[in-house]
Amino acid sequence: MDQVPRRKLGSQGLEVSALGLGCMGLSAFYGKPVEEEHGIAVIRHAFNNGVTFFDTSDAYGPHTNEKLLGLALKGLPREQVQVATKFAACFHADGSTEIRGDPEYVRQACEDSLKRLGMDYIDLYYQHRVDARVPIELTVGAMKKLVEEGKIKYIGLSEAGPDTIRRAHAVHPITAVQMEWSLWSRDIEETVIPVCRELGIGIVPYSPLGRGFFSGKAVTEKLSETDSRRVRFPRFQDENLEKNKVLYERVAALAKKYKCTPGQLALAWVMHQGSDVVPIPGTTKIPNLDENIGAAYVKLTEEEVEEVAAAVPLHDVAGGRYSGALSNLAWNYVTTPPLDS
């Protein structure tokens, strides 16, 4: 097996491939789910090329992505893969969704994820979104019990603000925080990142290619009718997309200079943010996966990293990260009540 470089994720002992695979798109949101056989092939190809860190969630599908990942990893050496999944989105029969972080739900969600994955333990278990009704101490307290029982090895948070991270870490060490981080989503750099580094918490950037924008596909091809980016993400809509194409063209010009693809340059920029950073780009196509893996070998100097960032000034980005109700779940909008309330 070719070896993608390894990185320590956080200070609790978890070691993963320097690049992970976000499995969400195989089952949800960016178009029709892929055929099971194809999804398994993509995941196996990642493993055979040195990617050992796989990211899923019970919300993807819902539930089908965990089952797909479990099938794909079946028969592989369990100690050689690091599986991350998440809980919080509770789906009701009427089609509504509720964010839950109460201890009872934490335990039930973990048990259900283990069954779908077909595994005895989860390497990294995240709270996917913060429940604004439940003190974070209670949620993490329940996760701590799962660690003690051997059901999970490490605890993570996703879309959590600095105060929530500090309070959670005081209950049990947080190994990783998963946040959106890319050339055009950098609002965590002055707030969340410093707290993570102070506390020895690893950072897992999701959507490191700007939800595929910097790979160029959204620029050169029309998004399908089933692609949620058309509705949920303002940066991909009409006039915003036209304005943002200029940003892509700047990155593409630099990519020629550095003899790599625009996507590889954007991904390499994220990877160069620190040895504690492990992005998890997703794809449904093996050639795109190979391209992403190639980003692990793109070397940039500090000056070059700055040059790439300067090509995408944040004030030039048209549109926000989310639209509608999704915005209310973002880290800078959600906190939890104090434990003694």
Protein backbone atom coordinates (compact mmCIF):
# COMPACT_ATOMS: atom_id res chain seq x y z
CA MET A 1 0.00 0.00 0.00
CA ASP A 2 1.31 3.45 -0.89
CA GLN A 3 1.49 5.55 2.22
CA VAL A 4 -0.20 8.90 2.49
CA PRO A 5 1.70 10.78 5.24
CA ARG A 6 0.38 10.28 8.79
CA ARG A 7 -0.61 12.95 11.28
CA LYS A 8 -1.42 13.03 14.98
CA LEU A 9 -4.95 14.28 15.41
CA GLY A 10 -5.09 16.05 18.74
CA SER A 11 -2.95 15.21 21.75
CA GLN A 12 -4.83 12.11 22.94
CA GLY A 13 -3.02 9.57 20.76
CA LEU A 14 -5.18 9.29 17.63
CA GLU A 15 -3.07 8.95 14.47
CA VAL A 16 -4.68 9.10 11.02
CA SER A 17 -3.76 9.55 7.37
CA ALA A 18 -2.96 13.21 6.68
CA LEU A 19 -5.93 13.23 4.32
CA GLY A 20 -9.25 11.57 5.10
CA LEU A 21 -12.22 10.63 2.95
CA GLY A 22 -15.54 12.34 3.56
CA CYS A 23 -18.08 9.68 2.60
CA MET A 24 -21.25 11.82 2.73
CA GLY A 25 -21.51 12.52 -1.00
CA LEU A 26 -21.67 8.81 -1.79
CA SER A 27 -25.11 8.67 -0.18
CA ALA A 28 -26.60 12.12 0.15
CA PHE A 29 -26.97 15.79 -0.73
CA TYR A 30 -24.82 16.28 -3.85
CA GLY A 31 -26.98 14.26 -6.22
CA LYS A 32 -28.35 10.74 -6.40
CA PRO A 33 -26.71 8.14 -4.13
CA VAL A 34 -24.15 6.00 -5.93
CA GLU A 35 -24.69 2.30 -6.43
CA GLU A 36 -23.52 0.27 -3.43
CA GLU A 37 -20.87 -1.57 -5.45
CA HIS A 38 -19.44 1.73 -6.72
CA GLY A 39 -19.39 3.31 -3.25
CA ILE A 40 -17.55 0.30 -1.87
CA ALA A 41 -15.02 0.53 -4.71
CA VAL A 42 -14.32 4.21 -3.96
CA ILE A 43 -13.76 3.55 -0.25
CA ARG A 44 -11.59 0.49 -0.93
CA HIS A 45 -9.53 2.45 -3.46
CA ALA A 46 -8.92 5.12 -0.83
CA PHE A 47 -7.69 2.51 1.65
CA ASN A 48 -5.50 0.78 -0.94
CA ASN A 49 -3.83 4.14 -1.61
CA GLY A 50 -3.04 4.99 1.99
CA VAL A 51 -6.17 6.82 3.15
CA THR A 52 -7.24 5.25 6.45
CA PHE A 53 -9.42 7.98 7.99
CA PHE A 54 -13.08 7.70 6.96
CA ASP A 55 -15.79 10.19 7.92
CA THR A 56 -19.53 9.50 8.00
CA SER A 57 -22.62 10.37 10.07
CA ASP A 58 -25.96 8.85 10.98
CA ALA A 59 -27.49 11.89 9.24
CA TYR A 60 -26.13 10.95 5.81
CA GLY A 61 -28.89 9.15 3.98
CA PRO A 62 -30.05 9.17 6.76
CA HIS A 63 -28.33 6.02 8.02
CA THR A 64 -27.40 4.57 4.61
CA ASN A 65 -23.90 6.05 4.51
CA GLU A 66 -22.86 4.32 7.74
CA LYS A 67 -24.10 1.01 6.32
CA LEU A 68 -22.15 1.58 3.10
CA LEU A 69 -18.95 2.39 4.98
CA GLY A 70 -19.36 -0.67 7.17
CA LEU A 71 -19.75 -2.91 4.12
CA ALA A 72 -16.75 -1.33 2.40
CA LEU A 73 -14.47 -1.79 5.40
CA LYS A 74 -15.62 -5.31 6.19
CA GLY A 75 -12.71 -7.70 5.94
CA LEU A 76 -10.06 -4.99 6.15
CA PRO A 77 -7.76 -4.96 9.21
CA ARG A 78 -9.83 -3.01 11.76
CA GLU A 79 -6.75 -1.66 13.53
CA GLN A 80 -5.58 -0.04 10.28
CA VAL A 81 -8.65 2.13 9.73
CA GLN A 82 -9.94 5.07 11.74
CA VAL A 83 -13.70 5.51 11.52
CA ALA A 84 -15.39 8.78 12.48
CA THR A 85 -19.13 9.14 12.71
CA LYS A 86 -21.54 11.60 14.29
CA PHE A 87 -24.86 11.96 16.08
CA ALA A 88 -27.33 14.77 16.85
CA ALA A 89 -29.84 14.87 13.99
CA CYS A 90 -32.89 12.90 15.10
CA PHE A 91 -35.26 12.14 12.20
CA HIS A 92 -38.97 11.85 12.95
CA ALA A 93 -41.65 9.92 11.08
CA ASP A 94 -43.30 13.14 9.89
CA GLY A 95 -40.12 14.17 8.08
CA SER A 96 -39.01 16.73 10.66
CA THR A 97 -35.54 16.79 12.17
CA GLU A 98 -34.56 17.61 15.74
CA ILE A 99 -31.08 18.27 17.13
CA ARG A 100 -30.59 16.21 20.28
CA GLY A 101 -27.71 16.08 22.72
CA ASP A 102 -29.44 14.60 25.76
CA PRO A 103 -27.59 11.66 27.37
CA GLU A 104 -30.27 9.11 26.54
CA TYR A 105 -30.12 9.98 22.86
CA VAL A 106 -26.32 10.01 22.80
CA ARG A 107 -26.22 6.41 23.98
CA GLN A 108 -28.98 5.21 21.67
CA ALA A 109 -27.46 6.94 18.65
CA CYS A 110 -24.07 5.34 19.35
CA GLU A 111 -25.56 1.87 19.70
CA ASP A 112 -27.46 2.33 16.43
CA SER A 113 -24.35 3.57 14.59
CA LEU A 114 -22.32 0.59 15.80
CA LYS A 115 -24.96 -1.78 14.42
CA ARG A 116 -25.09 -0.04 11.05
CA LEU A 117 -21.30 0.03 10.79
CA GLY A 118 -21.03 -3.58 11.94
CA MET A 119 -18.26 -2.61 14.36
CA ASP A 120 -17.47 -3.04 18.05
CA TYR A 121 -16.18 0.50 18.50
CA ILE A 122 -16.01 3.90 16.81
CA ASP A 123 -12.59 5.56 16.66
CA LEU A 124 -13.84 9.17 16.73
CA TYR A 125 -17.40 10.05 17.72
CA TYR A 126 -18.60 13.60 17.11
CA GLN A 127 -21.56 15.61 18.23
CA HIS A 128 -22.59 16.70 14.73
CA ARG A 129 -24.40 19.88 15.76
CA VAL A 130 -24.79 21.52 19.15
CA ASP A 131 -28.11 21.09 20.97
CA ALA A 132 -28.92 24.57 22.29
CA ARG A 133 -31.26 23.07 24.92
CA VAL A 134 -28.78 20.76 26.67
CA PRO A 135 -25.67 21.85 28.62
CA ILE A 136 -22.66 20.59 26.71
CA GLU A 137 -21.35 19.09 29.96
CA LEU A 138 -24.23 16.58 29.96
CA THR A 139 -23.71 15.61 26.33
CA VAL A 140 -19.97 15.09 26.72
CA GLY A 141 -20.52 13.36 30.05
CA ALA A 142 -22.58 10.75 28.20
CA MET A 143 -19.88 10.44 25.54
CA LYS A 144 -17.28 9.99 28.28
CA LYS A 145 -19.21 6.96 29.56
CA LEU A 146 -19.11 5.48 26.07
CA VAL A 147 -15.31 5.89 26.09
CA GLU A 148 -15.12 4.14 29.45
CA GLU A 149 -17.20 1.27 28.06
CA GLY A 150 -14.97 0.92 24.99
CA LYS A 151 -17.73 1.80 22.52
CA ILE A 152 -15.84 4.86 21.31
CA LYS A 153 -12.16 5.74 21.56
CA TYR A 154 -12.07 9.51 21.09
CA ILE A 155 -14.54 12.38 21.36
CA GLY A 156 -15.09 15.15 18.82
CA LEU A 157 -17.32 18.15 18.23
CA SER A 158 -18.56 19.61 14.94
CA GLU A 159 -19.64 23.22 14.33
CA ALA A 160 -18.91 24.20 17.94
CA GLY A 161 -17.83 27.64 19.13
CA PRO A 162 -14.92 28.47 21.45
CA ASP A 163 -16.97 28.55 24.66
CA THR A 164 -18.64 25.21 23.90
CA ILE A 165 -15.26 23.64 23.09
CA ARG A 166 -13.72 24.84 26.37
CA ARG A 167 -16.64 23.60 28.46
CA ALA A 168 -16.67 20.24 26.68
CA HIS A 169 -12.91 19.79 27.05
CA ALA A 170 -13.20 20.35 30.81
CA VAL A 171 -15.43 17.26 31.08
CA HIS A 172 -13.35 14.97 28.85
CA PRO A 173 -10.47 15.76 26.47
CA ILE A 174 -11.76 16.61 23.02
CA THR A 175 -9.59 15.01 20.33
CA ALA A 176 -10.88 16.81 17.25
CA VAL A 177 -13.16 19.62 16.16
CA GLN A 178 -14.67 19.34 12.68
CA MET A 179 -15.36 22.69 11.02
CA GLU A 180 -15.81 24.05 7.53
CA TRP A 181 -12.42 25.44 6.48
CA SER A 182 -11.31 26.26 2.97
CA LEU A 183 -9.97 29.14 0.91
CA TRP A 184 -13.39 30.80 0.99
CA SER A 185 -14.52 29.76 4.51
CA ARG A 186 -11.98 31.06 7.02
CA ASP A 187 -14.06 32.62 9.78
CA ILE A 188 -12.75 30.09 12.33
CA GLU A 189 -9.14 31.22 12.00
CA GLU A 190 -9.30 33.99 14.60
CA THR A 191 -11.66 32.26 17.02
CA VAL A 192 -11.96 28.47 16.99
CA ILE A 193 -8.47 27.53 15.76
CA PRO A 194 -6.57 29.33 18.56
CA VAL A 195 -8.70 27.59 21.20
CA CYS A 196 -8.12 24.20 19.61
CA ARG A 197 -4.37 24.75 19.56
CA GLU A 198 -4.32 26.00 23.13
CA LEU A 199 -6.08 22.83 24.28
CA GLY A 200 -4.27 20.36 21.99
CA ILE A 201 -7.31 19.58 19.85
CA GLY A 202 -6.93 18.49 16.22
CA ILE A 203 -8.82 20.24 13.43
CA VAL A 204 -10.73 18.34 10.75
CA PRO A 205 -11.79 20.68 7.93
CA TYR A 206 -14.90 19.56 6.10
CA SER A 207 -15.64 20.90 2.61
CA PRO A 208 -11.94 21.83 2.20
CA LEU A 209 -12.56 22.29 -1.53
CA GLY A 210 -15.40 24.74 -0.89
CA ARG A 211 -18.01 22.01 -1.46
CA GLY A 212 -16.23 21.10 -4.66
CA PHE A 213 -16.03 24.65 -5.97
CA PHE A 214 -12.23 24.76 -6.18
CA SER A 215 -12.06 21.44 -7.99
CA GLY A 216 -13.71 23.33 -10.85
CA LYS A 217 -16.68 21.04 -11.49
CA ALA A 218 -19.25 23.56 -10.25
CA VAL A 219 -17.66 26.20 -12.46
CA THR A 220 -17.51 24.20 -15.67
CA GLU A 221 -20.59 21.97 -15.28
CA LYS A 222 -24.19 22.81 -14.39
CA LEU A 223 -25.24 21.35 -11.05
CA SER A 224 -27.88 18.60 -11.30
CA GLU A 225 -31.45 19.19 -10.16
CA THR A 226 -30.87 16.86 -7.19
CA ASP A 227 -27.75 18.72 -6.02
CA SER A 228 -28.55 20.50 -2.74
CA ARG A 229 -25.91 23.15 -3.40
CA ARG A 230 -28.41 24.83 -5.73
CA VAL A 231 -30.71 25.53 -2.78
CA ARG A 232 -28.81 25.31 0.48
CA PHE A 233 -25.60 27.15 -0.33
CA PRO A 234 -25.84 30.75 -1.60
CA ARG A 235 -22.35 30.74 -3.10
CA PHE A 236 -23.54 28.38 -5.83
CA GLN A 237 -26.58 30.40 -6.82
CA ASP A 238 -26.90 32.49 -9.99
CA GLU A 239 -25.16 35.87 -9.63
CA ASN A 240 -23.07 34.71 -6.68
CA LEU A 241 -21.69 31.79 -8.65
CA GLU A 242 -20.80 34.07 -11.56
CA LYS A 243 -18.90 36.42 -9.23
CA ASN A 244 -17.15 33.53 -7.48
CA LYS A 245 -15.89 32.10 -10.76
CA VAL A 246 -13.30 34.89 -10.73
CA LEU A 247 -11.88 33.42 -7.51
CA TYR A 248 -11.60 30.00 -9.09
CA GLU A 249 -9.81 31.44 -12.10
CA ARG A 250 -7.23 33.09 -9.82
CA VAL A 251 -6.56 29.78 -8.07
CA ALA A 252 -6.39 27.99 -11.42
CA ALA A 253 -3.75 30.44 -12.62
CA LEU A 254 -1.64 29.79 -9.53
CA ALA A 255 -2.10 26.04 -9.93
CA LYS A 256 -0.39 26.23 -13.31
CA LYS A 257 2.52 27.98 -11.62
CA TYR A 258 2.79 25.23 -8.99
CA LYS A 259 2.25 22.42 -11.54
CA CYS A 260 -0.84 20.96 -9.92
CA THR A 261 -4.60 21.15 -10.40
CA PRO A 262 -6.72 23.95 -8.84
CA GLY A 263 -8.30 21.43 -6.51
CA GLN A 264 -4.94 20.10 -5.39
CA LEU A 265 -3.71 23.61 -4.70
CA ALA A 266 -6.81 24.51 -2.66
CA LEU A 267 -6.53 21.27 -0.70
CA ALA A 268 -2.79 21.62 -0.19
CA TRP A 269 -3.40 25.12 1.17
CA VAL A 270 -5.64 23.66 3.87
CA MET A 271 -3.13 20.91 4.68
CA HIS A 272 -0.39 23.54 5.05
CA GLN A 273 -2.31 25.30 7.82
CA GLY A 274 -0.65 23.04 10.38
CA SER A 275 0.38 19.49 11.24
CA ASP A 276 -2.74 19.27 13.42
CA VAL A 277 -5.03 19.74 10.39
CA VAL A 278 -6.56 16.73 8.57
CA PRO A 279 -9.06 17.65 5.83
CA ILE A 280 -11.70 15.19 4.64
CA PRO A 281 -12.59 15.96 1.02
CA GLY A 282 -15.30 13.80 -0.49
CA THR A 283 -15.90 12.52 -4.00
CA THR A 284 -17.88 9.87 -5.86
CA LYS A 285 -15.28 9.30 -8.56
CA ILE A 286 -11.99 7.42 -8.29
CA PRO A 287 -10.05 9.79 -10.61
CA ASN A 288 -11.09 12.71 -8.37
CA LEU A 289 -10.00 10.71 -5.34
CA ASP A 290 -6.59 10.14 -6.89
CA GLU A 291 -6.35 13.86 -7.61
CA ASN A 292 -7.17 14.67 -3.98
CA ILE A 293 -4.59 12.20 -2.69
CA GLY A 294 -2.04 13.93 -4.91
CA ALA A 295 -2.58 17.12 -2.90
CA ALA A 296 -0.76 15.47 0.01
CA TYR A 297 2.44 15.71 -2.02
CA VAL A 298 2.14 19.36 -3.08
CA LYS A 299 4.75 21.36 -1.16
CA LEU A 300 4.31 25.09 -0.54
CA THR A 301 6.52 27.61 1.23
CA GLU A 302 5.03 30.04 3.76
CA GLU A 303 5.13 32.77 1.13
CA GLU A 304 3.33 30.57 -1.37
CA VAL A 305 0.65 29.69 1.18
CA GLU A 306 0.07 33.40 1.68
CA GLU A 307 -0.01 33.99 -2.07
CA VAL A 308 -2.76 31.38 -2.49
CA ALA A 309 -4.82 32.90 0.34
CA ALA A 310 -4.42 36.37 -1.17
CA ALA A 311 -5.99 35.11 -4.41
CA VAL A 312 -9.27 34.58 -2.54
CA PRO A 313 -9.89 37.70 -0.41
CA LEU A 314 -12.85 36.98 1.87
CA HIS A 315 -14.50 40.30 0.98
CA ASP A 316 -14.66 39.09 -2.64
CA VAL A 317 -16.60 35.92 -1.79
CA ALA A 318 -20.24 36.30 -2.89
CA GLY A 319 -22.82 34.64 -0.64
CA GLY A 320 -22.80 33.17 2.85
CA ARG A 321 -21.92 29.66 3.99
CA TYR A 322 -25.52 28.57 4.47
CA SER A 323 -29.03 29.75 3.78
CA GLY A 324 -32.21 29.51 5.84
CA ALA A 325 -32.48 27.31 8.92
CA LEU A 326 -29.03 25.79 8.38
CA SER A 327 -27.45 29.11 9.33
CA ASN A 328 -28.97 28.81 12.80
CA LEU A 329 -26.97 25.62 13.44
CA ALA A 330 -23.59 27.17 12.65
CA TRP A 331 -20.99 27.45 15.40
CA ASN A 332 -21.22 31.24 15.71
CA TYR A 333 -24.96 31.11 16.40
CA VAL A 334 -25.32 28.22 18.83
CA THR A 335 -24.33 27.81 22.46
CA THR A 336 -25.69 25.67 25.26
CA PRO A 337 -27.21 26.65 28.60
CA PRO A 338 -25.00 26.57 31.68
CA LEU A 339 -24.96 23.32 33.59
CA ASP A 340 -26.58 24.81 36.67
CA SER A 341 -29.50 26.45 34.86
